[in-house]
Amino acid sequence: MKYIFFSIIFIITLNLQAQPDSLFLKLPPKKYDGPVWTRKNNFSINLNQVSFVNWNSGGSNSISGLLGTKMIANYKDRYFTWRNDAEFRYGVNKQEARELRKTDDLFELNSNLGFQPDSISNWFYSMKFNFRTQISDGFKYPNTEQPISRFMAPAYLFFGGGMEYGKNIERLSFYFSPITLKATFVLDEDLANDGAFGVDPAIYDIDGNLIRKGKQVRREFGILVTNSYEMEVLQNVDLIHRISLYTDYLNRFGNIDIDWSVDFNFKVNSFISATLGSHLRYDDDVKTQVATDVEGVFEEAGPKVQWKQYLGLGFAVDF
């Protein structure tokens, strides 16, 4: 984990170096033009297909697709900023002689309200809301009989208040909240009884009879630190960096949950785009499953770093 921590510190340092004037200088107030709503919607489809006919090197025919949409609505006036977005992604892959498999599944809502008491300051009193879950069942392939995740199992909710820094807050933000509620929902009885995603598992007697069902909600109360940064690194190439660090006051304080994504967006023209990205997660409450000597039977192991890398080329339109 120390390598992940040092990488995070390096990214944040780059952000600080990119905005030296905003950290140490108080700039004159800008002219106020009245309240402004900014809205943006994006829809994208990425498709990849490979076919082989008498190919002596071998290979499997495959096709994959990723559907995504994102809606943004931001408000800004002299004292307040209110940033909102909703995102949906769903991807599948089909290879020859293999079942259809899910590659991506996300439904996420974000809302952030900020109050700026001083027009020449870049600090805001802020309240942040985040909710995310998935839409369809997830499996540990090739086992497609027993889901390891479902809709609202898990679902995560963050809500809290604190301070946020941002000269151009839509592109650069540092947020610190010492008062943040984190709720984990597992609204599936089988997964809740197994104690999946950190909820309290069911209790059984020595004969295997159910005494108490597993709890479907886990509540935590702790510290949340986030950083987001967007910049144009080259013409038509944008970098988007987002990181979230959370630790609970009561349950293993100092054990940090990490959610860190870095995306490069390449704009080929008005309709064709490409994305290269990396997404890393670590959550001490999410245990892994390892195979046993019995075929098809797994046992619980400790948490591990989760990492996803993706590359997509396809059609995208803003409206």
C-alpha atoms as a PDB file:
ATOM      1  CA  MET A   1       0.000   0.000   0.000  1.00  0.00           C
ATOM      2  CA  LYS A   2       2.914   2.389   0.542  1.00  0.00           C
ATOM      3  CA  TYR A   3       3.563   2.556  -3.214  1.00  0.00           C
ATOM      4  CA  ILE A   4      -0.056   3.590  -3.793  1.00  0.00           C
ATOM      5  CA  PHE A   5       0.238   6.268  -1.077  1.00  0.00           C
ATOM      6  CA  PHE A   6       3.411   7.753  -2.590  1.00  0.00           C
ATOM      7  CA  SER A   7       1.784   7.780  -6.052  1.00  0.00           C
ATOM      8  CA  ILE A   8      -1.160   9.712  -4.644  1.00  0.00           C
ATOM      9  CA  ILE A   9       1.136  12.261  -2.998  1.00  0.00           C
ATOM     10  CA  PHE A  10       2.981  12.687  -6.328  1.00  0.00           C
ATOM     11  CA  ILE A  11      -0.264  13.441  -8.233  1.00  0.00           C
ATOM     12  CA  ILE A  12      -1.403  15.969  -5.629  1.00  0.00           C
ATOM     13  CA  THR A  13       2.008  17.647  -5.730  1.00  0.00           C
ATOM     14  CA  LEU A  14       1.685  18.055  -9.499  1.00  0.00           C
ATOM     15  CA  ASN A  15      -1.687  19.714  -8.968  1.00  0.00           C
ATOM     16  CA  LEU A  16      -0.205  22.158  -6.492  1.00  0.00           C
ATOM     17  CA  GLN A  17       2.627  23.015  -8.855  1.00  0.00           C
ATOM     18  CA  ALA A  18       0.129  23.596 -11.667  1.00  0.00           C
ATOM     19  CA  GLN A  19      -1.627  26.346  -9.661  1.00  0.00           C
ATOM     20  CA  PRO A  20       1.102  28.230  -7.714  1.00  0.00           C
ATOM     21  CA  ASP A  21      -0.421  31.695  -8.110  1.00  0.00           C
ATOM     22  CA  SER A  22      -3.802  30.637  -6.747  1.00  0.00           C
ATOM     23  CA  LEU A  23      -2.287  29.188  -3.588  1.00  0.00           C
ATOM     24  CA  PHE A  24      -0.215  32.161  -2.459  1.00  0.00           C
ATOM     25  CA  LEU A  25      -1.706  35.257  -4.092  1.00  0.00           C
ATOM     26  CA  LYS A  26      -5.025  36.979  -3.524  1.00  0.00           C
ATOM     27  CA  LEU A  27      -6.274  38.054  -6.906  1.00  0.00           C
ATOM     28  CA  PRO A  28      -8.622  41.011  -7.474  1.00  0.00           C
ATOM     29  CA  PRO A  29     -12.305  40.059  -7.599  1.00  0.00           C
ATOM     30  CA  LYS A  30     -13.761  39.288 -10.990  1.00  0.00           C
ATOM     31  CA  LYS A  31     -16.694  41.157 -12.422  1.00  0.00           C
ATOM     32  CA  TYR A  32     -19.980  39.545 -11.405  1.00  0.00           C
ATOM     33  CA  ASP A  33     -22.189  38.686 -14.375  1.00  0.00           C
ATOM     34  CA  GLY A  34     -25.121  37.174 -12.474  1.00  0.00           C
ATOM     35  CA  PRO A  35     -26.153  33.548 -11.787  1.00  0.00           C
ATOM     36  CA  VAL A  36     -25.283  31.053 -14.516  1.00  0.00           C
ATOM     37  CA  TRP A  37     -26.497  27.523 -15.249  1.00  0.00           C
ATOM     38  CA  THR A  38     -24.183  25.321 -17.337  1.00  0.00           C
ATOM     39  CA  ARG A  39     -25.536  22.089 -18.768  1.00  0.00           C
ATOM     40  CA  LYS A  40     -23.790  19.383 -20.773  1.00  0.00           C
ATOM     41  CA  ASN A  41     -24.834  15.893 -21.869  1.00  0.00           C
ATOM     42  CA  ASN A  42     -22.636  13.227 -23.439  1.00  0.00           C
ATOM     43  CA  PHE A  43     -23.489   9.902 -25.067  1.00  0.00           C
ATOM     44  CA  SER A  44     -20.888   7.374 -26.238  1.00  0.00           C
ATOM     45  CA  ILE A  45     -20.669   3.892 -27.764  1.00  0.00           C
ATOM     46  CA  ASN A  46     -17.412   1.937 -27.994  1.00  0.00           C
ATOM     47  CA  LEU A  47     -17.252  -1.251 -30.075  1.00  0.00           C
ATOM     48  CA  ASN A  48     -14.417  -3.736 -30.568  1.00  0.00           C
ATOM     49  CA  GLN A  49     -14.533  -6.815 -32.797  1.00  0.00           C
ATOM     50  CA  VAL A  50     -12.003  -9.498 -33.811  1.00  0.00           C
ATOM     51  CA  SER A  51     -12.595 -12.387 -36.277  1.00  0.00           C
ATOM     52  CA  PHE A  52     -10.285 -15.216 -37.383  1.00  0.00           C
ATOM     53  CA  VAL A  53     -10.558 -17.475 -40.439  1.00  0.00           C
ATOM     54  CA  ASN A  54      -7.846 -20.142 -40.902  1.00  0.00           C
ATOM     55  CA  TRP A  55      -5.521 -17.992 -38.806  1.00  0.00           C
ATOM     56  CA  ASN A  56      -2.498 -20.201 -38.125  1.00  0.00           C
ATOM     57  CA  SER A  57      -1.489 -18.263 -35.012  1.00  0.00           C
ATOM     58  CA  GLY A  58      -4.811 -19.116 -33.398  1.00  0.00           C
ATOM     59  CA  GLY A  59      -7.293 -16.894 -31.621  1.00  0.00           C
ATOM     60  CA  SER A  60     -10.939 -16.592 -30.624  1.00  0.00           C
ATOM     61  CA  ASN A  61     -13.604 -14.525 -32.345  1.00  0.00           C
ATOM     62  CA  SER A  62     -14.860 -11.825 -30.004  1.00  0.00           C
ATOM     63  CA  ILE A  63     -16.989  -8.726 -29.862  1.00  0.00           C
ATOM     64  CA  SER A  64     -17.367  -6.216 -27.054  1.00  0.00           C
ATOM     65  CA  GLY A  65     -19.263  -3.010 -26.505  1.00  0.00           C
ATOM     66  CA  LEU A  66     -19.503  -0.233 -23.949  1.00  0.00           C
ATOM     67  CA  LEU A  67     -22.446   2.147 -23.660  1.00  0.00           C
ATOM     68  CA  GLY A  68     -22.081   5.299 -21.616  1.00  0.00           C
ATOM     69  CA  THR A  69     -23.906   8.531 -20.893  1.00  0.00           C
ATOM     70  CA  LYS A  70     -23.176  11.456 -18.582  1.00  0.00           C
ATOM     71  CA  MET A  71     -25.330  14.456 -17.693  1.00  0.00           C
ATOM     72  CA  ILE A  72     -23.942  17.587 -16.008  1.00  0.00           C
ATOM     73  CA  ALA A  73     -25.825  20.577 -14.561  1.00  0.00           C
ATOM     74  CA  ASN A  74     -23.814  23.254 -12.730  1.00  0.00           C
ATOM     75  CA  TYR A  75     -24.970  26.484 -11.099  1.00  0.00           C
ATOM     76  CA  LYS A  76     -22.820  29.471 -10.098  1.00  0.00           C
ATOM     77  CA  ASP A  77     -23.499  32.922  -8.668  1.00  0.00           C
ATOM     78  CA  ARG A  78     -21.621  35.445  -6.529  1.00  0.00           C
ATOM     79  CA  TYR A  79     -21.498  33.235  -3.442  1.00  0.00           C
ATOM     80  CA  PHE A  80     -22.678  29.728  -4.352  1.00  0.00           C
ATOM     81  CA  THR A  81     -21.616  26.906  -6.660  1.00  0.00           C
ATOM     82  CA  TRP A  82     -23.748  23.812  -7.128  1.00  0.00           C
ATOM     83  CA  ARG A  83     -22.245  21.030  -9.256  1.00  0.00           C
ATOM     84  CA  ASN A  84     -24.314  17.983 -10.237  1.00  0.00           C
ATOM     85  CA  ASP A  85     -23.719  15.028 -12.510  1.00  0.00           C
ATOM     86  CA  ALA A  86     -25.201  11.614 -13.242  1.00  0.00           C
ATOM     87  CA  GLU A  87     -23.292   8.869 -15.065  1.00  0.00           C
ATOM     88  CA  PHE A  88     -24.243   5.461 -16.440  1.00  0.00           C
ATOM     89  CA  ARG A  89     -21.906   2.898 -18.045  1.00  0.00           C
ATOM     90  CA  TYR A  90     -22.535  -0.672 -19.132  1.00  0.00           C
ATOM     91  CA  GLY A  91     -20.209  -2.946 -21.088  1.00  0.00           C
ATOM     92  CA  VAL A  92     -20.287  -6.579 -22.248  1.00  0.00           C
ATOM     93  CA  ASN A  93     -17.931  -8.983 -24.017  1.00  0.00           C
ATOM     94  CA  LYS A  94     -18.692 -12.147 -26.012  1.00  0.00           C
ATOM     95  CA  GLN A  95     -15.991 -14.559 -27.043  1.00  0.00           C
ATOM     96  CA  GLU A  96     -16.341 -17.704 -29.103  1.00  0.00           C
ATOM     97  CA  ALA A  97     -17.478 -20.725 -27.037  1.00  0.00           C
ATOM     98  CA  ARG A  98     -17.826 -18.596 -23.901  1.00  0.00           C
ATOM     99  CA  GLU A  99     -20.814 -17.020 -22.163  1.00  0.00           C
ATOM    100  CA  LEU A 100     -21.612 -13.318 -22.414  1.00  0.00           C
ATOM    101  CA  ARG A 101     -19.640 -11.493 -19.716  1.00  0.00           C
ATOM    102  CA  LYS A 102     -20.040  -8.084 -18.135  1.00  0.00           C
ATOM    103  CA  THR A 103     -17.042  -5.766 -18.399  1.00  0.00           C
ATOM    104  CA  ASP A 104     -18.387  -2.552 -16.849  1.00  0.00           C
ATOM    105  CA  ASP A 105     -21.452  -1.572 -14.824  1.00  0.00           C
ATOM    106  CA  LEU A 106     -21.913   1.769 -13.059  1.00  0.00           C
ATOM    107  CA  PHE A 107     -24.693   4.092 -12.008  1.00  0.00           C
ATOM    108  CA  GLU A 108     -23.433   7.154 -10.097  1.00  0.00           C
ATOM    109  CA  LEU A 109     -24.877  10.432  -8.801  1.00  0.00           C
ATOM    110  CA  ASN A 110     -22.846  13.390  -7.488  1.00  0.00           C
ATOM    111  CA  SER A 111     -23.949  16.697  -5.983  1.00  0.00           C
ATOM    112  CA  ASN A 112     -21.676  19.310  -4.422  1.00  0.00           C
ATOM    113  CA  LEU A 113     -22.876  22.602  -2.908  1.00  0.00           C
ATOM    114  CA  GLY A 114     -20.286  25.264  -2.107  1.00  0.00           C
ATOM    115  CA  PHE A 115     -20.540  28.660  -0.380  1.00  0.00           C
ATOM    116  CA  GLN A 116     -17.796  31.240  -1.010  1.00  0.00           C
ATOM    117  CA  PRO A 117     -18.010  33.969   1.673  1.00  0.00           C
ATOM    118  CA  ASP A 118     -15.131  36.031   0.234  1.00  0.00           C
ATOM    119  CA  SER A 119     -15.048  36.872  -3.474  1.00  0.00           C
ATOM    120  CA  ILE A 120     -11.230  37.102  -3.513  1.00  0.00           C
ATOM    121  CA  SER A 121     -10.729  33.766  -1.754  1.00  0.00           C
ATOM    122  CA  ASN A 122     -10.648  30.365  -3.410  1.00  0.00           C
ATOM    123  CA  TRP A 123     -11.970  28.541  -0.323  1.00  0.00           C
ATOM    124  CA  PHE A 124     -15.548  27.286  -0.043  1.00  0.00           C
ATOM    125  CA  TYR A 125     -17.684  25.860   2.735  1.00  0.00           C
ATOM    126  CA  SER A 126     -18.903  22.721   1.029  1.00  0.00           C
ATOM    127  CA  MET A 127     -21.363  19.825   1.286  1.00  0.00           C
ATOM    128  CA  LYS A 128     -20.817  16.736  -0.857  1.00  0.00           C
ATOM    129  CA  PHE A 129     -23.156  13.864  -1.813  1.00  0.00           C
ATOM    130  CA  ASN A 130     -22.149  10.742  -3.742  1.00  0.00           C
ATOM    131  CA  PHE A 131     -24.133   7.596  -4.542  1.00  0.00           C
ATOM    132  CA  ARG A 132     -23.121   4.680  -6.733  1.00  0.00           C
ATOM    133  CA  THR A 133     -24.265   1.148  -7.461  1.00  0.00           C
ATOM    134  CA  GLN A 134     -24.531  -1.285 -10.358  1.00  0.00           C
ATOM    135  CA  ILE A 135     -27.451  -2.401 -12.511  1.00  0.00           C
ATOM    136  CA  SER A 136     -27.100  -6.118 -13.199  1.00  0.00           C
ATOM    137  CA  ASP A 137     -25.742  -9.202 -11.427  1.00  0.00           C
ATOM    138  CA  GLY A 138     -22.000  -9.764 -11.223  1.00  0.00           C
ATOM    139  CA  PHE A 139     -20.342 -13.200 -11.239  1.00  0.00           C
ATOM    140  CA  LYS A 140     -16.992 -14.798 -10.569  1.00  0.00           C
ATOM    141  CA  TYR A 141     -16.695 -16.340 -14.031  1.00  0.00           C
ATOM    142  CA  PRO A 142     -17.090 -19.066 -15.219  1.00  0.00           C
ATOM    143  CA  ASN A 143     -19.551 -19.599 -12.348  1.00  0.00           C
ATOM    144  CA  THR A 144     -22.764 -17.883 -13.477  1.00  0.00           C
ATOM    145  CA  GLU A 145     -25.086 -19.595 -10.989  1.00  0.00           C
ATOM    146  CA  GLN A 146     -24.206 -17.657  -7.850  1.00  0.00           C
ATOM    147  CA  PRO A 147     -24.052 -13.834  -8.101  1.00  0.00           C
ATOM    148  CA  ILE A 148     -21.329 -12.098  -6.095  1.00  0.00           C
ATOM    149  CA  SER A 149     -23.001  -8.692  -6.543  1.00  0.00           C
ATOM    150  CA  ARG A 150     -26.425  -7.376  -7.596  1.00  0.00           C
ATOM    151  CA  PHE A 151     -28.365  -4.137  -7.993  1.00  0.00           C
ATOM    152  CA  MET A 152     -28.067  -2.239  -4.668  1.00  0.00           C
ATOM    153  CA  ALA A 153     -25.757  -4.976  -3.413  1.00  0.00           C
ATOM    154  CA  PRO A 154     -23.500  -3.207  -2.962  1.00  0.00           C
ATOM    155  CA  ALA A 155     -24.482   0.448  -3.138  1.00  0.00           C
ATOM    156  CA  TYR A 156     -22.417   3.190  -1.504  1.00  0.00           C
ATOM    157  CA  LEU A 157     -23.540   6.589  -0.201  1.00  0.00           C
ATOM    158  CA  PHE A 158     -21.282   9.392   1.042  1.00  0.00           C
ATOM    159  CA  PHE A 159     -22.660  12.563   2.604  1.00  0.00           C
ATOM    160  CA  GLY A 160     -20.756  15.171   4.562  1.00  0.00           C
ATOM    161  CA  GLY A 161     -19.542  18.721   4.941  1.00  0.00           C
ATOM    162  CA  GLY A 162     -16.206  20.470   5.065  1.00  0.00           C
ATOM    163  CA  MET A 163     -13.931  22.860   3.193  1.00  0.00           C
ATOM    164  CA  GLU A 164     -13.072  22.887  -0.508  1.00  0.00           C
ATOM    165  CA  TYR A 165     -10.363  24.749  -2.392  1.00  0.00           C
ATOM    166  CA  GLY A 166     -10.558  25.596  -6.090  1.00  0.00           C
ATOM    167  CA  LYS A 167      -9.514  28.633  -8.114  1.00  0.00           C
ATOM    168  CA  ASN A 168     -11.369  27.223 -11.120  1.00  0.00           C
ATOM    169  CA  ILE A 169     -13.400  24.766  -9.110  1.00  0.00           C
ATOM    170  CA  GLU A 170     -14.846  22.936 -12.137  1.00  0.00           C
ATOM    171  CA  ARG A 171     -11.298  21.863 -13.104  1.00  0.00           C
ATOM    172  CA  LEU A 172      -9.318  21.826  -9.837  1.00  0.00           C
ATOM    173  CA  SER A 173     -10.697  20.880  -6.426  1.00  0.00           C
ATOM    174  CA  PHE A 174      -9.295  19.852  -3.049  1.00  0.00           C
ATOM    175  CA  TYR A 175     -11.979  18.813  -0.553  1.00  0.00           C
ATOM    176  CA  PHE A 176     -11.593  17.914   3.138  1.00  0.00           C
ATOM    177  CA  SER A 177     -14.515  16.745   5.274  1.00  0.00           C
ATOM    178  CA  PRO A 178     -13.999  15.727   8.925  1.00  0.00           C
ATOM    179  CA  ILE A 179     -17.705  14.848   9.149  1.00  0.00           C
ATOM    180  CA  THR A 180     -18.728  12.299   6.520  1.00  0.00           C
ATOM    181  CA  LEU A 181     -21.288   9.530   6.695  1.00  0.00           C
ATOM    182  CA  LYS A 182     -20.580   6.434   4.595  1.00  0.00           C
ATOM    183  CA  ALA A 183     -23.382   3.908   4.183  1.00  0.00           C
ATOM    184  CA  THR A 184     -22.964   0.531   2.464  1.00  0.00           C
ATOM    185  CA  PHE A 185     -26.175  -1.138   1.280  1.00  0.00           C
ATOM    186  CA  VAL A 186     -26.449  -4.878   0.546  1.00  0.00           C
ATOM    187  CA  LEU A 187     -30.141  -5.246  -0.317  1.00  0.00           C
ATOM    188  CA  ASP A 188     -29.887  -8.913  -1.256  1.00  0.00           C
ATOM    189  CA  GLU A 189     -30.679 -11.406   1.490  1.00  0.00           C
ATOM    190  CA  ASP A 190     -28.212 -14.103   0.402  1.00  0.00           C
ATOM    191  CA  LEU A 191     -25.289 -11.679   0.114  1.00  0.00           C
ATOM    192  CA  ALA A 192     -26.254  -9.954   3.384  1.00  0.00           C
ATOM    193  CA  ASN A 193     -26.394 -13.326   5.173  1.00  0.00           C
ATOM    194  CA  ASP A 194     -22.888 -14.072   3.863  1.00  0.00           C
ATOM    195  CA  GLY A 195     -21.643 -10.757   5.283  1.00  0.00           C
ATOM    196  CA  ALA A 196     -20.610  -9.466   1.850  1.00  0.00           C
ATOM    197  CA  PHE A 197     -19.061  -5.993   1.536  1.00  0.00           C
ATOM    198  CA  GLY A 198     -18.567  -5.582   5.279  1.00  0.00           C
ATOM    199  CA  VAL A 199     -22.155  -5.897   6.615  1.00  0.00           C
ATOM    200  CA  ASP A 200     -22.772  -8.062   9.700  1.00  0.00           C
ATOM    201  CA  PRO A 201     -23.411 -11.662   8.533  1.00  0.00           C
ATOM    202  CA  ALA A 202     -26.279 -13.903   9.576  1.00  0.00           C
ATOM    203  CA  ILE A 203     -26.049 -15.954  12.774  1.00  0.00           C
ATOM    204  CA  TYR A 204     -26.829 -19.685  12.710  1.00  0.00           C
ATOM    205  CA  ASP A 205     -27.102 -22.294  15.462  1.00  0.00           C
ATOM    206  CA  ILE A 206     -24.966 -25.442  15.533  1.00  0.00           C
ATOM    207  CA  ASP A 207     -27.544 -27.244  13.386  1.00  0.00           C
ATOM    208  CA  GLY A 208     -27.394 -24.563  10.684  1.00  0.00           C
ATOM    209  CA  ASN A 209     -30.738 -22.968  11.507  1.00  0.00           C
ATOM    210  CA  LEU A 210     -30.966 -19.228  10.964  1.00  0.00           C
ATOM    211  CA  ILE A 211     -31.132 -17.249  14.213  1.00  0.00           C
ATOM    212  CA  ARG A 212     -30.664 -13.710  12.839  1.00  0.00           C
ATOM    213  CA  LYS A 213     -30.568 -12.482   9.283  1.00  0.00           C
ATOM    214  CA  GLY A 214     -27.556 -10.591   8.029  1.00  0.00           C
ATOM    215  CA  LYS A 215     -27.783  -6.815   8.235  1.00  0.00           C
ATOM    216  CA  GLN A 216     -28.328  -5.037   4.920  1.00  0.00           C
ATOM    217  CA  VAL A 217     -26.834  -1.659   5.861  1.00  0.00           C
ATOM    218  CA  ARG A 218     -23.428  -0.800   7.294  1.00  0.00           C
ATOM    219  CA  ARG A 219     -22.895   2.749   8.595  1.00  0.00           C
ATOM    220  CA  GLU A 220     -19.546   4.442   9.062  1.00  0.00           C
ATOM    221  CA  PHE A 221     -18.576   7.921  10.223  1.00  0.00           C
ATOM    222  CA  GLY A 222     -15.203   9.346   9.328  1.00  0.00           C
ATOM    223  CA  ILE A 223     -12.921  11.629   7.324  1.00  0.00           C
ATOM    224  CA  LEU A 224     -13.139  12.089   3.545  1.00  0.00           C
ATOM    225  CA  VAL A 225     -10.462  13.743   1.403  1.00  0.00           C
ATOM    226  CA  THR A 226     -10.930  14.132  -2.359  1.00  0.00           C
ATOM    227  CA  ASN A 227      -8.995  15.733  -5.187  1.00  0.00           C
ATOM    228  CA  SER A 228     -10.021  16.213  -8.814  1.00  0.00           C
ATOM    229  CA  TYR A 229      -8.030  17.799 -11.604  1.00  0.00           C
ATOM    230  CA  GLU A 230      -8.699  18.283 -15.316  1.00  0.00           C
ATOM    231  CA  MET A 231      -6.256  19.717 -17.840  1.00  0.00           C
ATOM    232  CA  GLU A 232      -5.471  19.709 -21.546  1.00  0.00           C
ATOM    233  CA  VAL A 233      -2.055  18.026 -21.799  1.00  0.00           C
ATOM    234  CA  LEU A 234      -1.938  18.303 -25.599  1.00  0.00           C
ATOM    235  CA  GLN A 235      -4.267  19.596 -28.268  1.00  0.00           C
ATOM    236  CA  ASN A 236      -7.416  17.412 -28.173  1.00  0.00           C
ATOM    237  CA  VAL A 237      -5.960  15.315 -25.319  1.00  0.00           C
ATOM    238  CA  ASP A 238      -7.476  15.846 -21.861  1.00  0.00           C
ATOM    239  CA  LEU A 239      -6.331  14.380 -18.547  1.00  0.00           C
ATOM    240  CA  ILE A 240      -8.918  13.751 -15.825  1.00  0.00           C
ATOM    241  CA  HIS A 241      -7.664  12.722 -12.381  1.00  0.00           C
ATOM    242  CA  ARG A 242      -9.925  11.907  -9.414  1.00  0.00           C
ATOM    243  CA  ILE A 243      -9.097  10.414  -6.040  1.00  0.00           C
ATOM    244  CA  SER A 244     -11.064   9.745  -2.856  1.00  0.00           C
ATOM    245  CA  LEU A 245      -9.544   8.756   0.519  1.00  0.00           C
ATOM    246  CA  TYR A 246     -11.753   7.725   3.429  1.00  0.00           C
ATOM    247  CA  THR A 247     -11.089   6.443   6.949  1.00  0.00           C
ATOM    248  CA  ASP A 248     -13.619   5.583   9.660  1.00  0.00           C
ATOM    249  CA  TYR A 249     -13.278   7.043  13.171  1.00  0.00           C
ATOM    250  CA  LEU A 250     -14.589   3.974  15.014  1.00  0.00           C
ATOM    251  CA  ASN A 251     -13.594   1.007  12.849  1.00  0.00           C
ATOM    252  CA  ARG A 252      -9.825   0.746  12.342  1.00  0.00           C
ATOM    253  CA  PHE A 253      -9.085   4.451  12.199  1.00  0.00           C
ATOM    254  CA  GLY A 254      -6.168   5.105   9.834  1.00  0.00           C
ATOM    255  CA  ASN A 255      -7.062   2.211   7.530  1.00  0.00           C
ATOM    256  CA  ILE A 256      -7.734   4.142   4.312  1.00  0.00           C
ATOM    257  CA  ASP A 257     -10.224   3.202   1.585  1.00  0.00           C
ATOM    258  CA  ILE A 258      -8.927   4.393  -1.809  1.00  0.00           C
ATOM    259  CA  ASP A 259     -10.780   5.126  -5.050  1.00  0.00           C
ATOM    260  CA  TRP A 260      -8.434   6.558  -7.701  1.00  0.00           C
ATOM    261  CA  SER A 261      -8.999   7.003 -11.444  1.00  0.00           C
ATOM    262  CA  VAL A 262      -6.854   8.584 -14.171  1.00  0.00           C
ATOM    263  CA  ASP A 263      -8.323   8.973 -17.679  1.00  0.00           C
ATOM    264  CA  PHE A 264      -6.902  10.300 -20.940  1.00  0.00           C
ATOM    265  CA  ASN A 265      -9.565  11.421 -23.411  1.00  0.00           C
ATOM    266  CA  PHE A 266      -8.518  11.746 -27.052  1.00  0.00           C
ATOM    267  CA  LYS A 267     -10.791  13.696 -29.388  1.00  0.00           C
ATOM    268  CA  VAL A 268     -10.311  12.597 -33.006  1.00  0.00           C
ATOM    269  CA  ASN A 269     -13.089  14.791 -34.403  1.00  0.00           C
ATOM    270  CA  SER A 270     -16.574  15.984 -33.437  1.00  0.00           C
ATOM    271  CA  PHE A 271     -17.913  12.413 -33.243  1.00  0.00           C
ATOM    272  CA  ILE A 272     -14.974  10.018 -32.836  1.00  0.00           C
ATOM    273  CA  SER A 273     -13.105   9.784 -29.535  1.00  0.00           C
ATOM    274  CA  ALA A 274     -10.870   7.408 -27.603  1.00  0.00           C
ATOM    275  CA  THR A 275     -10.294   6.830 -23.911  1.00  0.00           C
ATOM    276  CA  LEU A 276      -7.341   5.301 -22.077  1.00  0.00           C
ATOM    277  CA  GLY A 277      -7.878   4.907 -18.365  1.00  0.00           C
ATOM    278  CA  SER A 278      -6.860   3.298 -15.100  1.00  0.00           C
ATOM    279  CA  HIS A 279      -9.072   2.740 -12.033  1.00  0.00           C
ATOM    280  CA  LEU A 280      -7.695   1.516  -8.706  1.00  0.00           C
ATOM    281  CA  ARG A 281      -9.665   0.667  -5.561  1.00  0.00           C
ATOM    282  CA  TYR A 282      -8.869  -0.636  -2.098  1.00  0.00           C
ATOM    283  CA  ASP A 283     -11.566  -1.257   0.513  1.00  0.00           C
ATOM    284  CA  ASP A 284     -10.801  -3.246   3.648  1.00  0.00           C
ATOM    285  CA  ASP A 285     -14.430  -4.369   3.857  1.00  0.00           C
ATOM    286  CA  VAL A 286     -14.427  -6.026   0.419  1.00  0.00           C
ATOM    287  CA  LYS A 287     -12.980  -9.512   0.855  1.00  0.00           C
ATOM    288  CA  THR A 288     -11.721 -11.687  -1.992  1.00  0.00           C
ATOM    289  CA  GLN A 289     -12.671 -15.263  -2.842  1.00  0.00           C
ATOM    290  CA  VAL A 290      -9.992 -17.882  -3.493  1.00  0.00           C
ATOM    291  CA  ALA A 291     -10.432 -21.348  -4.970  1.00  0.00           C
ATOM    292  CA  THR A 292     -10.247 -24.421  -2.720  1.00  0.00           C
ATOM    293  CA  ASP A 293      -9.331 -28.026  -3.495  1.00  0.00           C
ATOM    294  CA  VAL A 294     -13.033 -28.691  -4.133  1.00  0.00           C
ATOM    295  CA  GLU A 295     -14.033 -27.650  -7.650  1.00  0.00           C
ATOM    296  CA  GLY A 296     -16.445 -24.725  -7.707  1.00  0.00           C
ATOM    297  CA  VAL A 297     -16.024 -24.009  -3.976  1.00  0.00           C
ATOM    298  CA  PHE A 298     -14.349 -20.792  -2.815  1.00  0.00           C
ATOM    299  CA  GLU A 299     -13.344 -19.475   0.594  1.00  0.00           C
ATOM    300  CA  GLU A 300     -13.003 -15.928   1.858  1.00  0.00           C
ATOM    301  CA  ALA A 301      -9.581 -14.289   1.913  1.00  0.00           C
ATOM    302  CA  GLY A 302      -8.439 -10.824   2.910  1.00  0.00           C
ATOM    303  CA  PRO A 303      -8.941  -7.599   0.937  1.00  0.00           C
ATOM    304  CA  LYS A 304      -6.761  -6.895  -2.076  1.00  0.00           C
ATOM    305  CA  VAL A 305      -6.053  -3.978  -4.375  1.00  0.00           C
ATOM    306  CA  GLN A 306      -8.594  -3.874  -7.213  1.00  0.00           C
ATOM    307  CA  TRP A 307      -7.353  -2.502 -10.533  1.00  0.00           C
ATOM    308  CA  LYS A 308      -9.005  -2.000 -13.920  1.00  0.00           C
ATOM    309  CA  GLN A 309      -7.389  -0.729 -17.124  1.00  0.00           C
ATOM    310  CA  TYR A 310      -9.413   0.119 -20.212  1.00  0.00           C
ATOM    311  CA  LEU A 311      -8.939   1.385 -23.761  1.00  0.00           C
ATOM    312  CA  GLY A 312     -11.862   2.291 -25.977  1.00  0.00           C
ATOM    313  CA  LEU A 313     -12.447   3.847 -29.393  1.00  0.00           C
ATOM    314  CA  GLY A 314     -15.883   4.757 -30.576  1.00  0.00           C
ATOM    315  CA  PHE A 315     -18.638   7.252 -31.211  1.00  0.00           C
ATOM    316  CA  ALA A 316     -19.326  10.132 -28.804  1.00  0.00           C
ATOM    317  CA  VAL A 317     -21.583  13.176 -29.062  1.00  0.00           C
ATOM    318  CA  ASP A 318     -22.254  16.132 -26.782  1.00  0.00           C
ATOM    319  CA  PHE A 319     -25.762  17.571 -26.659  1.00  0.00           C
END
